[in-house]
Amino acid sequence: MKSRLRFSRSRTESSHHDDPLAGVANLFDASLAFIVAMALALFSVMGSTDMLSEDASWTLTRRAADGELEVVTKQQREIKVERVSDRKLSGQGERLGTAYRLPGGQVVYVPEQDNGGSLR
């Protein structure tokens, strides 16, 4: 009687060891959880959680694959992409102020004063 129980127990244990695809479902679940965790970590590290919010407003500049500069602007639910070009434009307009490049590379905009006074 004792040998019969021992035989049935070893047969069930060996059937689990013979199936090479038994752990694939667990690997899929683990990889899916890993992907979600990595995506959340990436968004939190970059501080870009505002990109997912409907009420957020932001502006992003980036260089496209062809080398042109793009300005991406998001206002609530509306997203606009504008390309910056180096072609010269002409037309009528009003002078609004002057931009200065500082030695550190920073650009400062100084609006013109209406009273005609000196900016210095």
C-alpha atoms as a PDB file:
ATOM      1  CA  MET A   1       0.000   0.000   0.000  1.00  0.00           C
ATOM      2  CA  LYS A   2       2.793   2.337   0.834  1.00  0.00           C
ATOM      3  CA  SER A   3       4.472   1.838  -2.535  1.00  0.00           C
ATOM      4  CA  ARG A   4       1.286   2.757  -4.413  1.00  0.00           C
ATOM      5  CA  LEU A   5       1.089   6.210  -2.728  1.00  0.00           C
ATOM      6  CA  ARG A   6       4.725   6.817  -3.402  1.00  0.00           C
ATOM      7  CA  PHE A   7       4.244   5.998  -7.085  1.00  0.00           C
ATOM      8  CA  SER A   8       1.251   8.321  -7.552  1.00  0.00           C
ATOM      9  CA  ARG A   9       2.998  11.195  -5.816  1.00  0.00           C
ATOM     10  CA  SER A  10       6.091  11.006  -7.987  1.00  0.00           C
ATOM     11  CA  ARG A  11       4.021  10.933 -11.171  1.00  0.00           C
ATOM     12  CA  THR A  12       2.293  14.251 -10.358  1.00  0.00           C
ATOM     13  CA  GLU A  13       5.574  15.892  -9.385  1.00  0.00           C
ATOM     14  CA  SER A  14       7.278  14.810 -12.565  1.00  0.00           C
ATOM     15  CA  SER A  15       4.448  16.171 -14.770  1.00  0.00           C
ATOM     16  CA  HIS A  16       5.115  19.719 -13.496  1.00  0.00           C
ATOM     17  CA  HIS A  17       8.810  19.401 -14.254  1.00  0.00           C
ATOM     18  CA  ASP A  18       8.195  18.087 -17.763  1.00  0.00           C
ATOM     19  CA  ASP A  19       6.164  21.120 -18.996  1.00  0.00           C
ATOM     20  CA  PRO A  20       8.617  23.776 -20.264  1.00  0.00           C
ATOM     21  CA  LEU A  21       5.856  26.387 -20.819  1.00  0.00           C
ATOM     22  CA  ALA A  22       4.472  26.264 -17.289  1.00  0.00           C
ATOM     23  CA  GLY A  23       6.257  29.472 -16.198  1.00  0.00           C
ATOM     24  CA  VAL A  24       5.637  31.562 -19.340  1.00  0.00           C
ATOM     25  CA  ALA A  25       2.435  33.104 -17.990  1.00  0.00           C
ATOM     26  CA  ASN A  26       4.261  34.259 -14.876  1.00  0.00           C
ATOM     27  CA  LEU A  27       7.055  35.792 -16.966  1.00  0.00           C
ATOM     28  CA  PHE A  28       4.522  37.710 -19.071  1.00  0.00           C
ATOM     29  CA  ASP A  29       2.811  39.122 -15.970  1.00  0.00           C
ATOM     30  CA  ALA A  30       6.126  40.105 -14.429  1.00  0.00           C
ATOM     31  CA  SER A  31       7.328  41.827 -17.611  1.00  0.00           C
ATOM     32  CA  LEU A  32       4.057  43.748 -17.947  1.00  0.00           C
ATOM     33  CA  ALA A  33       4.328  45.003 -14.371  1.00  0.00           C
ATOM     34  CA  PHE A  34       7.972  45.975 -15.021  1.00  0.00           C
ATOM     35  CA  ILE A  35       7.031  47.976 -18.137  1.00  0.00           C
ATOM     36  CA  VAL A  36       4.321  49.908 -16.286  1.00  0.00           C
ATOM     37  CA  ALA A  37       6.689  50.643 -13.408  1.00  0.00           C
ATOM     38  CA  MET A  38       9.382  51.902 -15.789  1.00  0.00           C
ATOM     39  CA  ALA A  39       6.916  54.180 -17.606  1.00  0.00           C
ATOM     40  CA  LEU A  40       5.719  55.702 -14.324  1.00  0.00           C
ATOM     41  CA  ALA A  41       9.297  56.183 -13.129  1.00  0.00           C
ATOM     42  CA  LEU A  42      10.246  57.886 -16.399  1.00  0.00           C
ATOM     43  CA  PHE A  43       7.347  60.326 -16.195  1.00  0.00           C
ATOM     44  CA  SER A  44       8.067  61.177 -12.568  1.00  0.00           C
ATOM     45  CA  VAL A  45      11.815  61.630 -13.099  1.00  0.00           C
ATOM     46  CA  MET A  46      11.376  63.904 -16.088  1.00  0.00           C
ATOM     47  CA  GLY A  47       8.746  65.933 -14.239  1.00  0.00           C
ATOM     48  CA  SER A  48       6.420  65.521 -17.171  1.00  0.00           C
ATOM     49  CA  THR A  49       3.309  64.510 -15.284  1.00  0.00           C
ATOM     50  CA  ASP A  50       1.772  67.756 -16.585  1.00  0.00           C
ATOM     51  CA  MET A  51       1.867  66.311 -20.083  1.00  0.00           C
ATOM     52  CA  LEU A  52      -0.835  63.862 -19.061  1.00  0.00           C
ATOM     53  CA  SER A  53      -3.073  66.407 -17.307  1.00  0.00           C
ATOM     54  CA  GLU A  54      -5.956  67.947 -19.280  1.00  0.00           C
ATOM     55  CA  ASP A  55      -5.746  71.336 -17.564  1.00  0.00           C
ATOM     56  CA  ALA A  56      -1.994  71.830 -17.907  1.00  0.00           C
ATOM     57  CA  SER A  57      -0.415  74.381 -20.249  1.00  0.00           C
ATOM     58  CA  TRP A  58       3.205  74.032 -21.378  1.00  0.00           C
ATOM     59  CA  THR A  59       5.618  74.899 -24.184  1.00  0.00           C
ATOM     60  CA  LEU A  60       8.356  72.599 -25.444  1.00  0.00           C
ATOM     61  CA  THR A  61      11.082  73.261 -28.009  1.00  0.00           C
ATOM     62  CA  ARG A  62      12.750  70.386 -29.793  1.00  0.00           C
ATOM     63  CA  ARG A  63      14.865  69.693 -32.841  1.00  0.00           C
ATOM     64  CA  ALA A  64      13.173  67.532 -35.477  1.00  0.00           C
ATOM     65  CA  ALA A  65      14.905  64.687 -37.312  1.00  0.00           C
ATOM     66  CA  ASP A  66      15.623  66.953 -40.290  1.00  0.00           C
ATOM     67  CA  GLY A  67      17.316  69.555 -38.037  1.00  0.00           C
ATOM     68  CA  GLU A  68      14.538  72.159 -37.940  1.00  0.00           C
ATOM     69  CA  LEU A  69      13.470  73.646 -34.628  1.00  0.00           C
ATOM     70  CA  GLU A  70       9.881  72.925 -33.531  1.00  0.00           C
ATOM     71  CA  VAL A  71       7.859  74.664 -30.831  1.00  0.00           C
ATOM     72  CA  VAL A  72       5.142  72.474 -29.302  1.00  0.00           C
ATOM     73  CA  THR A  73       2.528  74.366 -27.269  1.00  0.00           C
ATOM     74  CA  LYS A  74      -0.290  72.822 -25.228  1.00  0.00           C
ATOM     75  CA  GLN A  75      -3.160  74.955 -23.962  1.00  0.00           C
ATOM     76  CA  GLN A  76      -5.668  72.790 -22.071  1.00  0.00           C
ATOM     77  CA  ARG A  77      -6.707  70.214 -24.717  1.00  0.00           C
ATOM     78  CA  GLU A  78      -5.296  71.994 -27.786  1.00  0.00           C
ATOM     79  CA  ILE A  79      -1.785  71.101 -28.985  1.00  0.00           C
ATOM     80  CA  LYS A  80      -0.032  73.165 -31.689  1.00  0.00           C
ATOM     81  CA  VAL A  81       3.258  72.370 -33.418  1.00  0.00           C
ATOM     82  CA  GLU A  82       5.050  75.258 -35.158  1.00  0.00           C
ATOM     83  CA  ARG A  83       8.262  74.997 -37.174  1.00  0.00           C
ATOM     84  CA  VAL A  84      10.851  77.750 -36.897  1.00  0.00           C
ATOM     85  CA  SER A  85      12.555  78.665 -40.169  1.00  0.00           C
ATOM     86  CA  ASP A  86      15.460  80.905 -41.055  1.00  0.00           C
ATOM     87  CA  ARG A  87      13.860  82.612 -44.056  1.00  0.00           C
ATOM     88  CA  LYS A  88      13.563  86.385 -43.956  1.00  0.00           C
ATOM     89  CA  LEU A  89      10.133  87.959 -43.764  1.00  0.00           C
ATOM     90  CA  SER A  90       9.056  91.460 -44.613  1.00  0.00           C
ATOM     91  CA  GLY A  91       6.013  93.541 -43.913  1.00  0.00           C
ATOM     92  CA  GLN A  92       4.727  96.315 -41.747  1.00  0.00           C
ATOM     93  CA  GLY A  93       4.838  96.183 -38.010  1.00  0.00           C
ATOM     94  CA  GLU A  94       5.583  98.029 -34.813  1.00  0.00           C
ATOM     95  CA  ARG A  95       8.853  97.855 -32.916  1.00  0.00           C
ATOM     96  CA  LEU A  96       8.207  96.394 -29.492  1.00  0.00           C
ATOM     97  CA  GLY A  97      11.636  96.423 -27.889  1.00  0.00           C
ATOM     98  CA  THR A  98      15.195  95.176 -28.094  1.00  0.00           C
ATOM     99  CA  ALA A  99      16.738  91.806 -27.323  1.00  0.00           C
ATOM    100  CA  TYR A 100      20.278  91.557 -25.928  1.00  0.00           C
ATOM    101  CA  ARG A 101      22.485  88.472 -25.698  1.00  0.00           C
ATOM    102  CA  LEU A 102      24.499  88.454 -22.459  1.00  0.00           C
ATOM    103  CA  PRO A 103      28.051  87.016 -22.281  1.00  0.00           C
ATOM    104  CA  GLY A 104      26.676  83.844 -20.685  1.00  0.00           C
ATOM    105  CA  GLY A 105      24.463  83.175 -23.708  1.00  0.00           C
ATOM    106  CA  GLN A 106      21.221  84.283 -22.054  1.00  0.00           C
ATOM    107  CA  VAL A 107      18.894  86.511 -24.111  1.00  0.00           C
ATOM    108  CA  VAL A 108      17.138  89.412 -22.360  1.00  0.00           C
ATOM    109  CA  TYR A 109      14.190  91.282 -23.893  1.00  0.00           C
ATOM    110  CA  VAL A 110      13.811  94.960 -22.968  1.00  0.00           C
ATOM    111  CA  PRO A 111      10.511  96.567 -24.018  1.00  0.00           C
ATOM    112  CA  GLU A 112      10.620 100.098 -25.379  1.00  0.00           C
ATOM    113  CA  GLN A 113       9.352 102.863 -23.155  1.00  0.00           C
ATOM    114  CA  ASP A 114       6.544 105.085 -24.402  1.00  0.00           C
ATOM    115  CA  ASN A 115       7.970 108.298 -22.894  1.00  0.00           C
ATOM    116  CA  GLY A 116      11.075 108.169 -25.092  1.00  0.00           C
ATOM    117  CA  GLY A 117      13.438 107.928 -22.119  1.00  0.00           C
ATOM    118  CA  SER A 118      16.784 106.182 -22.183  1.00  0.00           C
ATOM    119  CA  LEU A 119      16.998 102.480 -21.343  1.00  0.00           C
ATOM    120  CA  ARG A 120      20.393 102.775 -19.670  1.00  0.00           C
END
